[in-house]
Amino acid sequence: MSIYSEIISWVADKPLCLRDAIRRLLNGGELLSQDITEVFGLLKKENGFGGISLEAVPVSDSDIPTTSRINNTIKLKQISSPHNIAALYENM
């Protein structure tokens, strides 16, 4: 089970506004100002505030990213002033 599947399972019994927020995070990688405003509106709607026409779209398996958004590549760009490290020349 991937971490995404675990998150979806964990959030399954949580409020709709939270499930919608998780969906937005998985699809966009971050919550923008508009997302925060809308999720807050969904929270208010779930707690009885009237006049809110937004509808929550809960996260589902189809929201799991197919590629990683995280770049795990580490590159060594420079070594400066090495001293006594595997016979590296000190005056680089």
PDB file of N, CA and C in Angstrom:
ATOM      1  N   MET A   1       0.855  -1.175   0.000  1.00  0.00           N
ATOM      2  CA  MET A   1       0.000   0.000   0.000  1.00  0.00           C
ATOM      3  C   MET A   1       0.904   1.242   0.000  1.00  0.00           C
ATOM      4  N   SER A   2       0.650   2.150  -0.922  1.00  0.00           N
ATOM      5  CA  SER A   2       1.456   3.371  -1.011  1.00  0.00           C
ATOM      6  C   SER A   2       1.028   4.356   0.074  1.00  0.00           C
ATOM      7  N   ILE A   3       1.856   5.345   0.294  1.00  0.00           N
ATOM      8  CA  ILE A   3       1.529   6.366   1.289  1.00  0.00           C
ATOM      9  C   ILE A   3       0.252   7.095   0.887  1.00  0.00           C
ATOM     10  N   TYR A   4       0.049   7.285  -0.408  1.00  0.00           N
ATOM     11  CA  TYR A   4      -1.162   7.953  -0.877  1.00  0.00           C
ATOM     12  C   TYR A   4      -2.406   7.135  -0.531  1.00  0.00           C
ATOM     13  N   SER A   5      -2.337   5.833  -0.736  1.00  0.00           N
ATOM     14  CA  SER A   5      -3.465   4.964  -0.389  1.00  0.00           C
ATOM     15  C   SER A   5      -3.738   4.986   1.105  1.00  0.00           C
ATOM     16  N   GLU A   6      -2.676   5.034   1.896  1.00  0.00           N
ATOM     17  CA  GLU A   6      -2.843   5.111   3.350  1.00  0.00           C
ATOM     18  C   GLU A   6      -3.519   6.419   3.754  1.00  0.00           C
ATOM     19  N   ILE A   7      -3.144   7.516   3.100  1.00  0.00           N
ATOM     20  CA  ILE A   7      -3.769   8.805   3.392  1.00  0.00           C
ATOM     21  C   ILE A   7      -5.250   8.767   3.035  1.00  0.00           C
ATOM     22  N   ILE A   8      -5.571   8.202   1.873  1.00  0.00           N
ATOM     23  CA  ILE A   8      -6.969   8.122   1.445  1.00  0.00           C
ATOM     24  C   ILE A   8      -7.776   7.251   2.399  1.00  0.00           C
ATOM     25  N   SER A   9      -7.214   6.156   2.860  1.00  0.00           N
ATOM     26  CA  SER A   9      -7.900   5.288   3.828  1.00  0.00           C
ATOM     27  C   SER A   9      -8.105   6.014   5.152  1.00  0.00           C
ATOM     28  N   TRP A  10      -7.081   6.734   5.602  1.00  0.00           N
ATOM     29  CA  TRP A  10      -7.159   7.449   6.872  1.00  0.00           C
ATOM     30  C   TRP A  10      -8.221   8.529   6.847  1.00  0.00           C
ATOM     31  N   VAL A  11      -8.345   9.245   5.735  1.00  0.00           N
ATOM     32  CA  VAL A  11      -9.236  10.386   5.662  1.00  0.00           C
ATOM     33  C   VAL A  11     -10.682   9.986   5.319  1.00  0.00           C
ATOM     34  N   ALA A  12     -10.919   8.710   5.045  1.00  0.00           N
ATOM     35  CA  ALA A  12     -12.233   8.247   4.577  1.00  0.00           C
ATOM     36  C   ALA A  12     -13.380   8.591   5.531  1.00  0.00           C
ATOM     37  N   ASP A  13     -13.131   8.610   6.819  1.00  0.00           N
ATOM     38  CA  ASP A  13     -14.208   8.904   7.770  1.00  0.00           C
ATOM     39  C   ASP A  13     -14.108  10.316   8.359  1.00  0.00           C
ATOM     40  N   LYS A  14     -13.277  11.136   7.745  1.00  0.00           N
ATOM     41  CA  LYS A  14     -13.107  12.519   8.198  1.00  0.00           C
ATOM     42  C   LYS A  14     -14.134  13.427   7.509  1.00  0.00           C
ATOM     43  N   PRO A  15     -14.294  14.665   7.981  1.00  0.00           N
ATOM     44  CA  PRO A  15     -15.242  15.599   7.362  1.00  0.00           C
ATOM     45  C   PRO A  15     -14.958  15.816   5.874  1.00  0.00           C
ATOM     46  N   LEU A  16     -16.003  16.114   5.120  1.00  0.00           N
ATOM     47  CA  LEU A  16     -15.878  16.311   3.685  1.00  0.00           C
ATOM     48  C   LEU A  16     -14.889  17.421   3.329  1.00  0.00           C
ATOM     49  N   CYS A  17     -14.874  18.494   4.114  1.00  0.00           N
ATOM     50  CA  CYS A  17     -13.961  19.597   3.794  1.00  0.00           C
ATOM     51  C   CYS A  17     -12.504  19.133   3.865  1.00  0.00           C
ATOM     52  N   LEU A  18     -12.173  18.248   4.798  1.00  0.00           N
ATOM     53  CA  LEU A  18     -10.816  17.728   4.910  1.00  0.00           C
ATOM     54  C   LEU A  18     -10.506  16.809   3.731  1.00  0.00           C
ATOM     55  N   ARG A  19     -11.452  15.971   3.351  1.00  0.00           N
ATOM     56  CA  ARG A  19     -11.245  15.085   2.195  1.00  0.00           C
ATOM     57  C   ARG A  19     -11.058  15.888   0.913  1.00  0.00           C
ATOM     58  N   ASP A  20     -11.785  16.998   0.803  1.00  0.00           N
ATOM     59  CA  ASP A  20     -11.631  17.875  -0.356  1.00  0.00           C
ATOM     60  C   ASP A  20     -10.257  18.539  -0.334  1.00  0.00           C
ATOM     61  N   ALA A  21      -9.814  18.986   0.829  1.00  0.00           N
ATOM     62  CA  ALA A  21      -8.494  19.615   0.953  1.00  0.00           C
ATOM     63  C   ALA A  21      -7.375  18.647   0.580  1.00  0.00           C
ATOM     64  N   ILE A  22      -7.499  17.401   1.007  1.00  0.00           N
ATOM     65  CA  ILE A  22      -6.497  16.383   0.662  1.00  0.00           C
ATOM     66  C   ILE A  22      -6.468  16.171  -0.850  1.00  0.00           C
ATOM     67  N   ARG A  23      -7.630  16.134  -1.481  1.00  0.00           N
ATOM     68  CA  ARG A  23      -7.713  15.984  -2.940  1.00  0.00           C
ATOM     69  C   ARG A  23      -6.986  17.140  -3.618  1.00  0.00           C
ATOM     70  N   ARG A  24      -7.217  18.334  -3.138  1.00  0.00           N
ATOM     71  CA  ARG A  24      -6.562  19.507  -3.719  1.00  0.00           C
ATOM     72  C   ARG A  24      -5.042  19.424  -3.547  1.00  0.00           C
ATOM     73  N   LEU A  25      -4.593  18.967  -2.395  1.00  0.00           N
ATOM     74  CA  LEU A  25      -3.150  18.828  -2.170  1.00  0.00           C
ATOM     75  C   LEU A  25      -2.527  17.797  -3.101  1.00  0.00           C
ATOM     76  N   LEU A  26      -3.200  16.665  -3.268  1.00  0.00           N
ATOM     77  CA  LEU A  26      -2.658  15.630  -4.135  1.00  0.00           C
ATOM     78  C   LEU A  26      -2.627  16.071  -5.590  1.00  0.00           C
ATOM     79  N   ASN A  27      -3.595  16.855  -6.001  1.00  0.00           N
ATOM     80  CA  ASN A  27      -3.654  17.299  -7.394  1.00  0.00           C
ATOM     81  C   ASN A  27      -2.765  18.498  -7.687  1.00  0.00           C
ATOM     82  N   GLY A  28      -2.560  19.368  -6.711  1.00  0.00           N
ATOM     83  CA  GLY A  28      -1.794  20.578  -6.977  1.00  0.00           C
ATOM     84  C   GLY A  28      -0.482  20.694  -6.241  1.00  0.00           C
ATOM     85  N   GLY A  29      -0.278  19.879  -5.230  1.00  0.00           N
ATOM     86  CA  GLY A  29       0.961  19.938  -4.466  1.00  0.00           C
ATOM     87  C   GLY A  29       0.971  20.955  -3.349  1.00  0.00           C
ATOM     88  N   GLU A  30       0.053  21.910  -3.384  1.00  0.00           N
ATOM     89  CA  GLU A  30      -0.067  22.913  -2.330  1.00  0.00           C
ATOM     90  C   GLU A  30      -1.458  23.524  -2.401  1.00  0.00           C
ATOM     91  N   LEU A  31      -1.855  24.142  -1.302  1.00  0.00           N
ATOM     92  CA  LEU A  31      -3.136  24.841  -1.285  1.00  0.00           C
ATOM     93  C   LEU A  31      -2.886  26.316  -1.577  1.00  0.00           C
ATOM     94  N   LEU A  32      -3.496  26.804  -2.636  1.00  0.00           N
ATOM     95  CA  LEU A  32      -3.399  28.211  -2.991  1.00  0.00           C
ATOM     96  C   LEU A  32      -4.419  29.003  -2.188  1.00  0.00           C
ATOM     97  N   SER A  33      -4.345  30.296  -2.270  1.00  0.00           N
ATOM     98  CA  SER A  33      -5.244  31.171  -1.522  1.00  0.00           C
ATOM     99  C   SER A  33      -6.716  30.850  -1.818  1.00  0.00           C
ATOM    100  N   GLN A  34      -7.030  30.645  -3.084  1.00  0.00           N
ATOM    101  CA  GLN A  34      -8.416  30.315  -3.459  1.00  0.00           C
ATOM    102  C   GLN A  34      -8.840  28.974  -2.853  1.00  0.00           C
ATOM    103  N   ASP A  35      -7.934  28.000  -2.850  1.00  0.00           N
ATOM    104  CA  ASP A  35      -8.238  26.696  -2.251  1.00  0.00           C
ATOM    105  C   ASP A  35      -8.562  26.851  -0.771  1.00  0.00           C
ATOM    106  N   ILE A  36      -7.767  27.630  -0.064  1.00  0.00           N
ATOM    107  CA  ILE A  36      -7.981  27.835   1.368  1.00  0.00           C
ATOM    108  C   ILE A  36      -9.334  28.489   1.612  1.00  0.00           C
ATOM    109  N   THR A  37      -9.665  29.480   0.801  1.00  0.00           N
ATOM    110  CA  THR A  37     -10.953  30.157   0.926  1.00  0.00           C
ATOM    111  C   THR A  37     -12.096  29.179   0.693  1.00  0.00           C
ATOM    112  N   GLU A  38     -11.970  28.342  -0.339  1.00  0.00           N
ATOM    113  CA  GLU A  38     -13.036  27.389  -0.657  1.00  0.00           C
ATOM    114  C   GLU A  38     -13.160  26.297   0.402  1.00  0.00           C
ATOM    115  N   VAL A  39     -12.047  25.775   0.881  1.00  0.00           N
ATOM    116  CA  VAL A  39     -12.094  24.740   1.929  1.00  0.00           C
ATOM    117  C   VAL A  39     -12.704  25.327   3.201  1.00  0.00           C
ATOM    118  N   PHE A  40     -12.367  26.568   3.511  1.00  0.00           N
ATOM    119  CA  PHE A  40     -12.969  27.224   4.665  1.00  0.00           C
ATOM    120  C   PHE A  40     -14.482  27.354   4.467  1.00  0.00           C
ATOM    121  N   GLY A  41     -14.911  27.685   3.251  1.00  0.00           N
ATOM    122  CA  GLY A  41     -16.339  27.739   2.936  1.00  0.00           C
ATOM    123  C   GLY A  41     -17.000  26.387   3.114  1.00  0.00           C
ATOM    124  N   LEU A  42     -16.328  25.326   2.699  1.00  0.00           N
ATOM    125  CA  LEU A  42     -16.871  23.975   2.872  1.00  0.00           C
ATOM    126  C   LEU A  42     -16.993  23.613   4.350  1.00  0.00           C
ATOM    127  N   LEU A  43     -16.002  24.021   5.141  1.00  0.00           N
ATOM    128  CA  LEU A  43     -16.048  23.791   6.578  1.00  0.00           C
ATOM    129  C   LEU A  43     -17.251  24.504   7.191  1.00  0.00           C
ATOM    130  N   LYS A  44     -17.446  25.754   6.793  1.00  0.00           N
ATOM    131  CA  LYS A  44     -18.594  26.509   7.298  1.00  0.00           C
ATOM    132  C   LYS A  44     -19.906  25.844   6.878  1.00  0.00           C
ATOM    133  N   LYS A  45     -19.981  25.394   5.637  1.00  0.00           N
ATOM    134  CA  LYS A  45     -21.200  24.739   5.146  1.00  0.00           C
ATOM    135  C   LYS A  45     -21.510  23.484   5.964  1.00  0.00           C
ATOM    136  N   GLU A  46     -20.475  22.685   6.244  1.00  0.00           N
ATOM    137  CA  GLU A  46     -20.659  21.458   7.025  1.00  0.00           C
ATOM    138  C   GLU A  46     -21.117  21.744   8.451  1.00  0.00           C
ATOM    139  N   ASN A  47     -20.855  22.947   8.919  1.00  0.00           N
ATOM    140  CA  ASN A  47     -21.220  23.300  10.283  1.00  0.00           C
ATOM    141  C   ASN A  47     -22.441  24.206  10.360  1.00  0.00           C
ATOM    142  N   GLY A  48     -23.246  24.179   9.283  1.00  0.00           N
ATOM    143  CA  GLY A  48     -24.548  24.807   9.334  1.00  0.00           C
ATOM    144  C   GLY A  48     -24.668  26.213   8.801  1.00  0.00           C
ATOM    145  N   PHE A  49     -23.594  26.782   8.289  1.00  0.00           N
ATOM    146  CA  PHE A  49     -23.697  28.117   7.710  1.00  0.00           C
ATOM    147  C   PHE A  49     -24.464  28.023   6.400  1.00  0.00           C
ATOM    148  N   GLY A  50     -25.425  28.906   6.200  1.00  0.00           N
ATOM    149  CA  GLY A  50     -26.236  28.879   4.994  1.00  0.00           C
ATOM    150  C   GLY A  50     -25.652  29.735   3.883  1.00  0.00           C
ATOM    151  N   GLY A  51     -26.224  29.596   2.697  1.00  0.00           N
ATOM    152  CA  GLY A  51     -25.838  30.425   1.570  1.00  0.00           C
ATOM    153  C   GLY A  51     -24.533  30.053   0.909  1.00  0.00           C
ATOM    154  N   ILE A  52     -24.031  28.871   1.162  1.00  0.00           N
ATOM    155  CA  ILE A  52     -22.762  28.442   0.549  1.00  0.00           C
ATOM    156  C   ILE A  52     -23.088  27.375  -0.493  1.00  0.00           C
ATOM    157  N   SER A  53     -22.774  27.689  -1.751  1.00  0.00           N
ATOM    158  CA  SER A  53     -23.140  26.790  -2.837  1.00  0.00           C
ATOM    159  C   SER A  53     -22.033  25.808  -3.228  1.00  0.00           C
ATOM    160  N   LEU A  54     -20.870  25.908  -2.608  1.00  0.00           N
ATOM    161  CA  LEU A  54     -19.766  24.999  -2.917  1.00  0.00           C
ATOM    162  C   LEU A  54     -20.143  23.561  -2.578  1.00  0.00           C
ATOM    163  N   GLU A  55     -19.636  22.634  -3.364  1.00  0.00           N
ATOM    164  CA  GLU A  55     -19.818  21.214  -3.080  1.00  0.00           C
ATOM    165  C   GLU A  55     -18.441  20.565  -2.917  1.00  0.00           C
ATOM    166  N   ALA A  56     -18.258  19.826  -1.853  1.00  0.00           N
ATOM    167  CA  ALA A  56     -16.990  19.139  -1.617  1.00  0.00           C
ATOM    168  C   ALA A  56     -16.835  17.982  -2.594  1.00  0.00           C
ATOM    169  N   VAL A  57     -15.613  17.807  -3.070  1.00  0.00           N
ATOM    170  CA  VAL A  57     -15.266  16.664  -3.919  1.00  0.00           C
ATOM    171  C   VAL A  57     -14.238  15.862  -3.137  1.00  0.00           C
ATOM    172  N   PRO A  58     -14.667  14.750  -2.521  1.00  0.00           N
ATOM    173  CA  PRO A  58     -13.739  13.986  -1.680  1.00  0.00           C
ATOM    174  C   PRO A  58     -12.606  13.353  -2.486  1.00  0.00           C
ATOM    175  N   VAL A  59     -11.482  13.165  -1.851  1.00  0.00           N
ATOM    176  CA  VAL A  59     -10.341  12.513  -2.472  1.00  0.00           C
ATOM    177  C   VAL A  59     -10.695  11.060  -2.779  1.00  0.00           C
ATOM    178  N   SER A  60     -10.156  10.539  -3.874  1.00  0.00           N
ATOM    179  CA  SER A  60     -10.378   9.141  -4.246  1.00  0.00           C
ATOM    180  C   SER A  60      -9.089   8.581  -4.831  1.00  0.00           C
ATOM    181  N   ASP A  61      -9.100   7.302  -5.138  1.00  0.00           N
ATOM    182  CA  ASP A  61      -7.913   6.658  -5.707  1.00  0.00           C
ATOM    183  C   ASP A  61      -7.480   7.306  -7.018  1.00  0.00           C
ATOM    184  N   SER A  62      -8.411   7.884  -7.754  1.00  0.00           N
ATOM    185  CA  SER A  62      -8.052   8.520  -9.029  1.00  0.00           C
ATOM    186  C   SER A  62      -7.222   9.784  -8.827  1.00  0.00           C
ATOM    187  N   ASP A  63      -7.147  10.288  -7.599  1.00  0.00           N
ATOM    188  CA  ASP A  63      -6.360  11.485  -7.302  1.00  0.00           C
ATOM    189  C   ASP A  63      -4.908  11.174  -6.948  1.00  0.00           C
ATOM    190  N   ILE A  64      -4.569   9.904  -6.855  1.00  0.00           N
ATOM    191  CA  ILE A  64      -3.197   9.522  -6.528  1.00  0.00           C
ATOM    192  C   ILE A  64      -2.297   9.877  -7.706  1.00  0.00           C
ATOM    193  N   PRO A  65      -1.239  10.668  -7.462  1.00  0.00           N
ATOM    194  CA  PRO A  65      -0.335  11.055  -8.558  1.00  0.00           C
ATOM    195  C   PRO A  65       0.338   9.842  -9.183  1.00  0.00           C
ATOM    196  N   THR A  66       0.495   9.893 -10.490  1.00  0.00           N
ATOM    197  CA  THR A  66       1.155   8.784 -11.186  1.00  0.00           C
ATOM    198  C   THR A  66       2.660   8.965 -11.210  1.00  0.00           C
ATOM    199  N   THR A  67       3.128  10.189 -11.019  1.00  0.00           N
ATOM    200  CA  THR A  67       4.566  10.449 -10.944  1.00  0.00           C
ATOM    201  C   THR A  67       4.842  11.262  -9.683  1.00  0.00           C
ATOM    202  N   SER A  68       6.024  11.115  -9.195  1.00  0.00           N
ATOM    203  CA  SER A  68       6.412  11.843  -7.991  1.00  0.00           C
ATOM    204  C   SER A  68       6.681  13.307  -8.328  1.00  0.00           C
ATOM    205  N   ARG A  69       6.213  14.205  -7.467  1.00  0.00           N
ATOM    206  CA  ARG A  69       6.484  15.632  -7.639  1.00  0.00           C
ATOM    207  C   ARG A  69       7.767  16.032  -6.927  1.00  0.00           C
ATOM    208  N   ILE A  70       8.374  15.091  -6.250  1.00  0.00           N
ATOM    209  CA  ILE A  70       9.565  15.385  -5.471  1.00  0.00           C
ATOM    210  C   ILE A  70      10.795  14.939  -6.257  1.00  0.00           C
ATOM    211  N   ASN A  71      11.745  15.825  -6.395  1.00  0.00           N
ATOM    212  CA  ASN A  71      12.989  15.497  -7.067  1.00  0.00           C
ATOM    213  C   ASN A  71      13.976  15.025  -6.009  1.00  0.00           C
ATOM    214  N   ASN A  72      14.302  13.743  -6.027  1.00  0.00           N
ATOM    215  CA  ASN A  72      15.183  13.169  -5.017  1.00  0.00           C
ATOM    216  C   ASN A  72      16.636  13.121  -5.473  1.00  0.00           C
ATOM    217  N   THR A  73      16.976  13.858  -6.520  1.00  0.00           N
ATOM    218  CA  THR A  73      18.334  13.845  -7.023  1.00  0.00           C
ATOM    219  C   THR A  73      19.210  14.761  -6.180  1.00  0.00           C
ATOM    220  N   ILE A  74      20.298  14.215  -5.715  1.00  0.00           N
ATOM    221  CA  ILE A  74      21.270  14.989  -4.946  1.00  0.00           C
ATOM    222  C   ILE A  74      22.532  15.088  -5.787  1.00  0.00           C
ATOM    223  N   LYS A  75      23.049  16.301  -5.944  1.00  0.00           N
ATOM    224  CA  LYS A  75      24.244  16.520  -6.746  1.00  0.00           C
ATOM    225  C   LYS A  75      25.303  17.210  -5.898  1.00  0.00           C
ATOM    226  N   LEU A  76      26.502  16.718  -5.969  1.00  0.00           N
ATOM    227  CA  LEU A  76      27.630  17.356  -5.319  1.00  0.00           C
ATOM    228  C   LEU A  76      28.150  18.411  -6.274  1.00  0.00           C
ATOM    229  N   LYS A  77      28.078  19.661  -5.885  1.00  0.00           N
ATOM    230  CA  LYS A  77      28.481  20.750  -6.766  1.00  0.00           C
ATOM    231  C   LYS A  77      29.887  21.256  -6.472  1.00  0.00           C
ATOM    232  N   GLN A  78      30.328  21.105  -5.252  1.00  0.00           N
ATOM    233  CA  GLN A  78      31.617  21.683  -4.913  1.00  0.00           C
ATOM    234  C   GLN A  78      32.174  21.037  -3.651  1.00  0.00           C
ATOM    235  N   ILE A  79      33.485  20.895  -3.621  1.00  0.00           N
ATOM    236  CA  ILE A  79      34.217  20.537  -2.404  1.00  0.00           C
ATOM    237  C   ILE A  79      35.215  21.659  -2.184  1.00  0.00           C
ATOM    238  N   SER A  80      35.157  22.277  -1.024  1.00  0.00           N
ATOM    239  CA  SER A  80      36.092  23.368  -0.778  1.00  0.00           C
ATOM    240  C   SER A  80      36.917  23.090   0.469  1.00  0.00           C
ATOM    241  N   SER A  81      38.187  23.372   0.360  1.00  0.00           N
ATOM    242  CA  SER A  81      39.150  23.248   1.459  1.00  0.00           C
ATOM    243  C   SER A  81      39.143  21.882   2.131  1.00  0.00           C
ATOM    244  N   PRO A  82      39.338  20.821   1.383  1.00  0.00           N
ATOM    245  CA  PRO A  82      39.390  19.505   2.042  1.00  0.00           C
ATOM    246  C   PRO A  82      40.708  19.339   2.813  1.00  0.00           C
ATOM    247  N   HIS A  83      40.617  18.712   3.952  1.00  0.00           N
ATOM    248  CA  HIS A  83      41.804  18.448   4.755  1.00  0.00           C
ATOM    249  C   HIS A  83      41.770  16.995   5.195  1.00  0.00           C
ATOM    250  N   ASN A  84      42.796  16.255   4.838  1.00  0.00           N
ATOM    251  CA  ASN A  84      42.965  14.855   5.250  1.00  0.00           C
ATOM    252  C   ASN A  84      41.769  13.982   4.870  1.00  0.00           C
ATOM    253  N   ILE A  85      41.246  14.180   3.654  1.00  0.00           N
ATOM    254  CA  ILE A  85      40.130  13.360   3.197  1.00  0.00           C
ATOM    255  C   ILE A  85      40.593  12.530   2.011  1.00  0.00           C
ATOM    256  N   ALA A  86      40.904  11.294   2.236  1.00  0.00           N
ATOM    257  CA  ALA A  86      41.272  10.344   1.180  1.00  0.00           C
ATOM    258  C   ALA A  86      42.303  10.914   0.227  1.00  0.00           C
ATOM    259  N   ALA A  87      43.261  11.608   0.737  1.00  0.00           N
ATOM    260  CA  ALA A  87      44.395  12.145  -0.019  1.00  0.00           C
ATOM    261  C   ALA A  87      43.977  13.137  -1.102  1.00  0.00           C
ATOM    262  N   LEU A  88      42.898  13.899  -0.878  1.00  0.00           N
ATOM    263  CA  LEU A  88      42.503  14.944  -1.824  1.00  0.00           C
ATOM    264  C   LEU A  88      43.482  16.099  -1.719  1.00  0.00           C
ATOM    265  N   TYR A  89      43.757  16.705  -2.820  1.00  0.00           N
ATOM    266  CA  TYR A  89      44.677  17.841  -2.865  1.00  0.00           C
ATOM    267  C   TYR A  89      44.028  19.036  -2.184  1.00  0.00           C
ATOM    268  N   GLU A  90      44.733  19.673  -1.241  1.00  0.00           N
ATOM    269  CA  GLU A  90      44.181  20.751  -0.441  1.00  0.00           C
ATOM    270  C   GLU A  90      43.973  22.053  -1.215  1.00  0.00           C
ATOM    271  N   ASN A  91      44.738  22.326  -2.213  1.00  0.00           N
ATOM    272  CA  ASN A  91      44.694  23.616  -2.909  1.00  0.00           C
ATOM    273  C   ASN A  91      43.785  23.543  -4.135  1.00  0.00           C
ATOM    274  N   MET A  92      42.515  23.320  -3.911  1.00  0.00           N
ATOM    275  CA  MET A  92      41.577  23.229  -5.043  1.00  0.00           C
ATOM    276  C   MET A  92      41.052  24.578  -5.405  1.00  0.00           C
TER     277      MET A  92
END
